[in-house]
C-alpha atoms as a PDB file:
ATOM      1  CA  MET A   1      17.109 -11.624 -19.014  1.00  0.00           C
ATOM      2  CA  THR A   2      15.775 -13.516 -22.015  1.00  0.00           C
ATOM      3  CA  GLU A   3      14.911 -10.324 -23.905  1.00  0.00           C
ATOM      4  CA  THR A   4      18.572  -9.225 -23.857  1.00  0.00           C
ATOM      5  CA  SER A   5      20.312 -12.534 -24.498  1.00  0.00           C
ATOM      6  CA  ALA A   6      22.938 -13.568 -23.883  1.00  0.00           C
ATOM      7  CA  GLY A   7      24.075 -10.971 -21.343  1.00  0.00           C
ATOM      8  CA  SER A   8      24.166  -7.233 -20.724  1.00  0.00           C
ATOM      9  CA  PHE A   9      26.217  -6.799 -17.529  1.00  0.00           C
ATOM     10  CA  MET A  10      29.229  -8.577 -16.079  1.00  0.00           C
ATOM     11  CA  THR A  11      31.717  -8.259 -13.251  1.00  0.00           C
ATOM     12  CA  ALA A  12      35.439  -8.639 -13.914  1.00  0.00           C
ATOM     13  CA  ALA A  13      37.851 -11.004 -12.187  1.00  0.00           C
ATOM     14  CA  THR A  14      39.649  -7.963 -10.782  1.00  0.00           C
ATOM     15  CA  ASP A  15      36.526  -6.328  -9.322  1.00  0.00           C
ATOM     16  CA  PRO A  16      36.321  -5.953  -5.525  1.00  0.00           C
ATOM     17  CA  ALA A  17      34.407  -8.693  -3.694  1.00  0.00           C
ATOM     18  CA  ARG A  18      31.625  -6.272  -2.717  1.00  0.00           C
ATOM     19  CA  GLU A  19      30.830  -5.420  -6.329  1.00  0.00           C
ATOM     20  CA  LYS A  20      30.925  -9.106  -7.300  1.00  0.00           C
ATOM     21  CA  LEU A  21      28.458  -9.987  -4.552  1.00  0.00           C
ATOM     22  CA  GLU A  22      26.129  -6.979  -4.589  1.00  0.00           C
ATOM     23  CA  THR A  23      25.962  -5.941  -8.256  1.00  0.00           C
ATOM     24  CA  VAL A  24      25.519  -7.476 -11.688  1.00  0.00           C
ATOM     25  CA  GLY A  25      28.632  -5.630 -12.824  1.00  0.00           C
ATOM     26  CA  LYS A  26      29.060  -3.032 -15.547  1.00  0.00           C
ATOM     27  CA  ALA A  27      27.408  -2.867 -18.956  1.00  0.00           C
ATOM     28  CA  LEU A  28      29.246  -4.927 -21.565  1.00  0.00           C
ATOM     29  CA  PRO A  29      30.790  -3.272 -24.641  1.00  0.00           C
ATOM     30  CA  HIS A  30      28.215  -2.062 -27.185  1.00  0.00           C
ATOM     31  CA  VAL A  31      25.502  -2.142 -24.494  1.00  0.00           C
ATOM     32  CA  GLN A  32      23.891   1.035 -23.157  1.00  0.00           C
ATOM     33  CA  ALA A  33      22.058   1.223 -19.852  1.00  0.00           C
ATOM     34  CA  LYS A  34      20.092   3.901 -18.030  1.00  0.00           C
ATOM     35  CA  VAL A  35      17.767   4.199 -15.052  1.00  0.00           C
ATOM     36  CA  VAL A  36      14.551   6.181 -15.535  1.00  0.00           C
ATOM     37  CA  ASP A  37      11.595   7.362 -13.471  1.00  0.00           C
ATOM     38  CA  SER A  38       7.914   6.751 -14.205  1.00  0.00           C
ATOM     39  CA  GLN A  39       7.938   9.657 -16.717  1.00  0.00           C
ATOM     40  CA  ASN A  40      10.931   8.133 -18.550  1.00  0.00           C
ATOM     41  CA  HIS A  41      13.338  10.816 -17.304  1.00  0.00           C
ATOM     42  CA  ILE A  42      16.917   9.644 -16.736  1.00  0.00           C
ATOM     43  CA  LEU A  43      17.746   9.557 -13.023  1.00  0.00           C
ATOM     44  CA  PRO A  44      21.050  10.624 -11.416  1.00  0.00           C
ATOM     45  CA  LYS A  45      23.691   8.062 -10.475  1.00  0.00           C
ATOM     46  CA  GLY A  46      22.783   6.028  -7.407  1.00  0.00           C
ATOM     47  CA  ILE A  47      19.044   6.750  -7.580  1.00  0.00           C
ATOM     48  CA  ARG A  48      16.684   3.814  -7.976  1.00  0.00           C
ATOM     49  CA  GLY A  49      14.300   3.566 -10.900  1.00  0.00           C
ATOM     50  CA  GLU A  50      13.532   1.292 -13.843  1.00  0.00           C
ATOM     51  CA  LEU A  51      16.494  -0.232 -15.667  1.00  0.00           C
ATOM     52  CA  CYS A  52      16.456   0.230 -19.445  1.00  0.00           C
ATOM     53  CA  ILE A  53      18.882  -1.411 -21.868  1.00  0.00           C
ATOM     54  CA  SER A  54      19.782  -0.736 -25.493  1.00  0.00           C
ATOM     55  CA  GLY A  55      22.170  -2.302 -27.988  1.00  0.00           C
ATOM     56  CA  TYR A  56      22.738  -5.133 -30.423  1.00  0.00           C
ATOM     57  CA  LEU A  57      21.404  -7.715 -27.961  1.00  0.00           C
ATOM     58  CA  LEU A  58      17.753  -6.618 -27.897  1.00  0.00           C
ATOM     59  CA  GLN A  59      15.070  -9.009 -29.008  1.00  0.00           C
ATOM     60  CA  LYS A  60      12.958  -8.120 -32.040  1.00  0.00           C
ATOM     61  CA  GLY A  61       9.759  -8.447 -30.050  1.00  0.00           C
ATOM     62  CA  TYR A  62       7.353 -10.806 -28.329  1.00  0.00           C
ATOM     63  CA  TYR A  63       5.948 -13.494 -30.601  1.00  0.00           C
ATOM     64  CA  LYS A  64       2.486 -12.527 -31.855  1.00  0.00           C
ATOM     65  CA  ASN A  65       2.118  -9.926 -29.087  1.00  0.00           C
ATOM     66  CA  GLU A  66       2.396  -6.455 -30.571  1.00  0.00           C
ATOM     67  CA  GLU A  67       0.892  -4.785 -27.514  1.00  0.00           C
ATOM     68  CA  LYS A  68       3.502  -6.184 -25.132  1.00  0.00           C
ATOM     69  CA  THR A  69       6.269  -5.441 -27.647  1.00  0.00           C
ATOM     70  CA  ALA A  70       5.195  -1.794 -27.904  1.00  0.00           C
ATOM     71  CA  GLU A  71       5.049  -1.536 -24.114  1.00  0.00           C
ATOM     72  CA  ALA A  72       8.534  -2.957 -23.527  1.00  0.00           C
ATOM     73  CA  LEU A  73      10.487  -1.657 -26.537  1.00  0.00           C
ATOM     74  CA  VAL A  74      10.422   2.144 -26.640  1.00  0.00           C
ATOM     75  CA  ARG A  75      12.161   4.416 -29.150  1.00  0.00           C
ATOM     76  CA  ASP A  76      13.634   7.601 -27.640  1.00  0.00           C
ATOM     77  CA  GLU A  77      13.878  11.077 -29.160  1.00  0.00           C
ATOM     78  CA  ASN A  78      17.124  10.079 -30.914  1.00  0.00           C
ATOM     79  CA  GLY A  79      15.600   7.005 -32.511  1.00  0.00           C
ATOM     80  CA  VAL A  80      17.352   4.580 -30.157  1.00  0.00           C
ATOM     81  CA  ILE A  81      15.262   1.592 -29.047  1.00  0.00           C
ATOM     82  CA  TRP A  82      15.358   0.739 -25.333  1.00  0.00           C
ATOM     83  CA  ILE A  83      13.831  -2.199 -23.541  1.00  0.00           C
ATOM     84  CA  HIS A  84      12.112  -1.362 -20.267  1.00  0.00           C
ATOM     85  CA  THR A  85      13.111  -4.334 -18.136  1.00  0.00           C
ATOM     86  CA  GLY A  86      10.664  -3.855 -15.263  1.00  0.00           C
ATOM     87  CA  ASP A  87      13.621  -4.243 -12.906  1.00  0.00           C
ATOM     88  CA  GLU A  88      14.189  -1.676 -10.190  1.00  0.00           C
ATOM     89  CA  ALA A  89      17.876  -0.776 -10.163  1.00  0.00           C
ATOM     90  CA  SER A  90      20.502   1.893  -9.637  1.00  0.00           C
ATOM     91  CA  ILE A  91      23.802   2.538 -11.425  1.00  0.00           C
ATOM     92  CA  ASP A  92      26.599   4.059  -9.360  1.00  0.00           C
ATOM     93  CA  GLU A  93      29.324   6.520 -10.348  1.00  0.00           C
ATOM     94  CA  LYS A  94      31.634   3.678 -11.393  1.00  0.00           C
ATOM     95  CA  GLY A  95      29.000   2.079 -13.605  1.00  0.00           C
ATOM     96  CA  TYR A  96      28.102  -0.871 -11.382  1.00  0.00           C
ATOM     97  CA  CYS A  97      24.430  -1.825 -11.562  1.00  0.00           C
ATOM     98  CA  ARG A  98      22.487  -2.984  -8.511  1.00  0.00           C
ATOM     99  CA  ILE A  99      19.177  -4.775  -9.044  1.00  0.00           C
ATOM    100  CA  THR A 100      16.954  -4.010  -6.061  1.00  0.00           C
ATOM    101  CA  GLY A 101      13.610  -5.512  -7.062  1.00  0.00           C
ATOM    102  CA  ARG A 102      10.777  -5.345  -9.557  1.00  0.00           C
ATOM    103  CA  ILE A 103       8.999  -2.071 -10.298  1.00  0.00           C
ATOM    104  CA  LYS A 104       5.577  -3.706 -10.056  1.00  0.00           C
ATOM    105  CA  ASP A 105       6.443  -5.057  -6.595  1.00  0.00           C
ATOM    106  CA  ILE A 106       7.083  -1.619  -5.035  1.00  0.00           C
ATOM    107  CA  ILE A 107       4.594  -0.913  -2.249  1.00  0.00           C
ATOM    108  CA  ILE A 108       3.116   2.594  -2.191  1.00  0.00           C
ATOM    109  CA  ARG A 109       1.983   3.263   1.370  1.00  0.00           C
ATOM    110  CA  GLY A 110       0.368   6.657   1.836  1.00  0.00           C
ATOM    111  CA  GLY A 111       2.346   8.059  -1.090  1.00  0.00           C
ATOM    112  CA  GLU A 112       5.691   6.665   0.092  1.00  0.00           C
ATOM    113  CA  ASN A 113       7.568   4.003  -1.856  1.00  0.00           C
ATOM    114  CA  ILE A 114       8.552   0.917   0.144  1.00  0.00           C
ATOM    115  CA  TYR A 115      10.979  -1.563  -1.376  1.00  0.00           C
ATOM    116  CA  PRO A 116      10.219  -5.226  -0.566  1.00  0.00           C
ATOM    117  CA  THR A 117      13.778  -6.469  -1.051  1.00  0.00           C
ATOM    118  CA  GLU A 118      15.238  -4.662   1.960  1.00  0.00           C
ATOM    119  CA  ILE A 119      12.432  -5.955   4.192  1.00  0.00           C
ATOM    120  CA  GLU A 120      12.903  -9.498   2.897  1.00  0.00           C
ATOM    121  CA  GLU A 121      16.647  -9.334   3.515  1.00  0.00           C
ATOM    122  CA  ARG A 122      16.098  -8.129   7.072  1.00  0.00           C
ATOM    123  CA  LEU A 123      13.535 -10.867   7.786  1.00  0.00           C
ATOM    124  CA  MET A 124      15.885 -13.523   6.409  1.00  0.00           C
ATOM    125  CA  GLU A 125      18.363 -12.491   9.107  1.00  0.00           C
ATOM    126  CA  HIS A 126      15.887 -13.567  11.806  1.00  0.00           C
ATOM    127  CA  PRO A 127      17.091 -16.772  13.497  1.00  0.00           C
ATOM    128  CA  ASP A 128      13.700 -18.490  13.079  1.00  0.00           C
ATOM    129  CA  ILE A 129      12.823 -17.484   9.506  1.00  0.00           C
ATOM    130  CA  GLU A 130      13.926 -19.448   6.450  1.00  0.00           C
ATOM    131  CA  GLN A 131      12.127 -17.621   3.641  1.00  0.00           C
ATOM    132  CA  ALA A 132      10.297 -14.313   3.273  1.00  0.00           C
ATOM    133  CA  ALA A 133       8.234 -12.718   0.524  1.00  0.00           C
ATOM    134  CA  ILE A 134       6.892  -9.178   0.902  1.00  0.00           C
ATOM    135  CA  VAL A 135       3.910  -7.786  -1.015  1.00  0.00           C
ATOM    136  CA  GLY A 136       1.575  -4.823  -0.735  1.00  0.00           C
ATOM    137  CA  LEU A 137      -2.050  -5.485   0.173  1.00  0.00           C
ATOM    138  CA  LYS A 138      -5.040  -3.172  -0.180  1.00  0.00           C
ATOM    139  CA  ASP A 139      -5.734  -0.796   2.686  1.00  0.00           C
ATOM    140  CA  ASP A 140      -8.521   1.780   3.038  1.00  0.00           C
ATOM    141  CA  LYS A 141      -6.329   4.315   4.857  1.00  0.00           C
ATOM    142  CA  TYR A 142      -2.916   4.039   3.180  1.00  0.00           C
ATOM    143  CA  GLY A 143      -3.789   2.507  -0.174  1.00  0.00           C
ATOM    144  CA  GLU A 144      -1.352  -0.330   0.447  1.00  0.00           C
ATOM    145  CA  VAL A 145       0.340  -1.813   3.499  1.00  0.00           C
ATOM    146  CA  VAL A 146       3.166  -4.298   3.952  1.00  0.00           C
ATOM    147  CA  ALA A 147       2.317  -7.988   4.201  1.00  0.00           C
ATOM    148  CA  ALA A 148       4.810 -10.793   4.839  1.00  0.00           C
ATOM    149  CA  PHE A 149       4.520 -14.395   3.697  1.00  0.00           C
ATOM    150  CA  LEU A 150       6.972 -16.270   5.906  1.00  0.00           C
ATOM    151  CA  GLN A 151       8.366 -19.768   6.173  1.00  0.00           C
ATOM    152  CA  SER A 152       9.988 -20.785   9.441  1.00  0.00           C
ATOM    153  CA  LEU A 153      13.092 -22.907   9.791  1.00  0.00           C
ATOM    154  CA  PRO A 154      12.444 -26.591  10.581  1.00  0.00           C
ATOM    155  CA  GLN A 155      12.151 -27.293  14.310  1.00  0.00           C
ATOM    156  CA  HIS A 156      11.983 -23.560  15.110  1.00  0.00           C
ATOM    157  CA  ASN A 157       9.150 -21.682  16.798  1.00  0.00           C
ATOM    158  CA  ARG A 158       7.352 -19.124  14.689  1.00  0.00           C
ATOM    159  CA  PRO A 159       7.782 -15.542  15.911  1.00  0.00           C
ATOM    160  CA  SER A 160       4.595 -13.633  16.712  1.00  0.00           C
ATOM    161  CA  LEU A 161       3.333 -10.700  14.652  1.00  0.00           C
ATOM    162  CA  ASN A 162       4.715  -8.297  17.255  1.00  0.00           C
ATOM    163  CA  ASP A 163       8.089 -10.055  17.183  1.00  0.00           C
ATOM    164  CA  VAL A 164       8.205  -9.709  13.396  1.00  0.00           C
ATOM    165  CA  LYS A 165       7.267  -6.027  13.615  1.00  0.00           C
ATOM    166  CA  ASP A 166       9.926  -5.382  16.272  1.00  0.00           C
ATOM    167  CA  TRP A 167      12.539  -7.082  14.115  1.00  0.00           C
ATOM    168  CA  ILE A 168      11.798  -4.657  11.278  1.00  0.00           C
ATOM    169  CA  TRP A 169      11.380  -1.578  13.496  1.00  0.00           C
ATOM    170  CA  GLN A 170      14.875  -2.000  14.921  1.00  0.00           C
ATOM    171  CA  VAL A 171      16.540  -1.372  11.564  1.00  0.00           C
ATOM    172  CA  LEU A 172      14.085  -0.133   8.932  1.00  0.00           C
ATOM    173  CA  GLY A 173      11.457   1.841  10.842  1.00  0.00           C
ATOM    174  CA  ARG A 174       7.821   1.383  11.810  1.00  0.00           C
ATOM    175  CA  HIS A 175       6.295   2.205   8.431  1.00  0.00           C
ATOM    176  CA  LYS A 176       8.067  -0.774   6.836  1.00  0.00           C
ATOM    177  CA  ALA A 177       6.906  -3.310   9.415  1.00  0.00           C
ATOM    178  CA  PRO A 178       4.358  -5.869   8.172  1.00  0.00           C
ATOM    179  CA  VAL A 179       0.742  -5.185   9.072  1.00  0.00           C
ATOM    180  CA  HIS A 180      -0.171  -8.722   8.045  1.00  0.00           C
ATOM    181  CA  VAL A 181       1.846 -11.930   8.437  1.00  0.00           C
ATOM    182  CA  PHE A 182       0.905 -15.188   6.722  1.00  0.00           C
ATOM    183  CA  TRP A 183       2.764 -18.421   7.371  1.00  0.00           C
ATOM    184  CA  VAL A 184       3.623 -20.807   4.569  1.00  0.00           C
ATOM    185  CA  GLY A 185       4.054 -24.513   5.228  1.00  0.00           C
ATOM    186  CA  PRO A 186       2.407 -27.913   5.665  1.00  0.00           C
ATOM    187  CA  GLY A 187      -0.921 -27.562   7.480  1.00  0.00           C
ATOM    188  CA  ASP A 188      -1.202 -23.831   6.731  1.00  0.00           C
ATOM    189  CA  PRO A 189      -3.798 -22.322   4.362  1.00  0.00           C
ATOM    190  CA  ILE A 190      -0.815 -21.674   2.070  1.00  0.00           C
ATOM    191  CA  GLY A 191       1.039 -24.973   1.929  1.00  0.00           C
ATOM    192  CA  GLN A 192       3.900 -23.721  -0.210  1.00  0.00           C
ATOM    193  CA  TYR A 193       4.980 -20.651  -2.131  1.00  0.00           C
ATOM    194  CA  PRO A 194       3.520 -20.376  -5.635  1.00  0.00           C
ATOM    195  CA  VAL A 195       6.462 -20.281  -8.039  1.00  0.00           C
ATOM    196  CA  THR A 196       7.182 -19.833 -11.721  1.00  0.00           C
ATOM    197  CA  GLY A 197       8.728 -22.507 -13.911  1.00  0.00           C
ATOM    198  CA  SER A 198      12.147 -21.100 -13.022  1.00  0.00           C
ATOM    199  CA  GLY A 199      11.442 -21.248  -9.285  1.00  0.00           C
ATOM    200  CA  LYS A 200      10.761 -17.552  -8.614  1.00  0.00           C
ATOM    201  CA  ILE A 201       8.064 -16.751  -6.075  1.00  0.00           C
ATOM    202  CA  ARG A 202       4.926 -15.444  -7.783  1.00  0.00           C
ATOM    203  CA  LYS A 203       4.124 -12.319  -5.822  1.00  0.00           C
ATOM    204  CA  ASP A 204       1.088 -11.594  -7.963  1.00  0.00           C
ATOM    205  CA  VAL A 205      -0.458 -14.821  -6.687  1.00  0.00           C
ATOM    206  CA  LEU A 206       0.528 -14.049  -3.083  1.00  0.00           C
ATOM    207  CA  ARG A 207      -1.010 -10.593  -3.430  1.00  0.00           C
ATOM    208  CA  GLU A 208      -4.290 -12.085  -4.621  1.00  0.00           C
ATOM    209  CA  ILE A 209      -4.277 -14.713  -1.857  1.00  0.00           C
ATOM    210  CA  GLY A 210      -3.556 -12.105   0.815  1.00  0.00           C
ATOM    211  CA  ASN A 211      -6.255  -9.698  -0.342  1.00  0.00           C
ATOM    212  CA  ASN A 212      -8.785 -12.533  -0.481  1.00  0.00           C
ATOM    213  CA  MET A 213      -7.868 -13.769   2.999  1.00  0.00           C
ATOM    214  CA  ILE A 214      -8.212 -10.286   4.496  1.00  0.00           C
ATOM    215  CA  ALA A 215     -11.540  -9.739   2.728  1.00  0.00           C
ATOM    216  CA  GLY A 216     -12.745 -13.062   4.120  1.00  0.00           C
ATOM    217  CA  GLN A 217     -11.749 -12.077   7.653  1.00  0.00           C
ATOM    218  CA  GLU A 218     -13.572  -8.747   7.347  1.00  0.00           C
ATOM    219  CA  ASN A 219     -16.732 -10.462   6.131  1.00  0.00           C
ATOM    220  CA  ASN A 220     -16.816 -12.893   9.057  1.00  0.00           C
END
């Protein structure tokens, strides 16, 4: 990440293929890393939470943005400054770090945390789906429910809502199945995914679009 240039984790040439493919490696020398919960308590190995990094590589702050700097750079009880990355991650017993999503993207459905990445990965295994983005949309009963923004493969039929739900139920369970499915492509209300300058899908925009579309349906 830019705030910890030039790098904080790395895999080694001798690491097993699984760790090279599924993790960002281990913390580099002179870099400290921890995973914390929402109360800033350090979590046990293998438990997902927010990734925090400390060391020589930290930025000084955000240019002319003291509020954001104070939010991201936090000094602990020992005087050590940590940057709260906003990344959801876990660090295993061997020190390998797995990035599993963004904290702000976690869906809280009826008090239960649902992680979009695992749903997206499952949907991308569907033979007719090319791209998937999962967000949480407002719901009167559960607070939030799962919504999928999908792009089908060229020349492939789009699966129905029930087909998409079944695909998720088979592996992840009913509570993680999308309640809403929106298709992205030419001729659809959403012609293409909104992306950042670096090409990342803007889930905040998708969340706003989805909530507005549902509100419009309810008002009709």
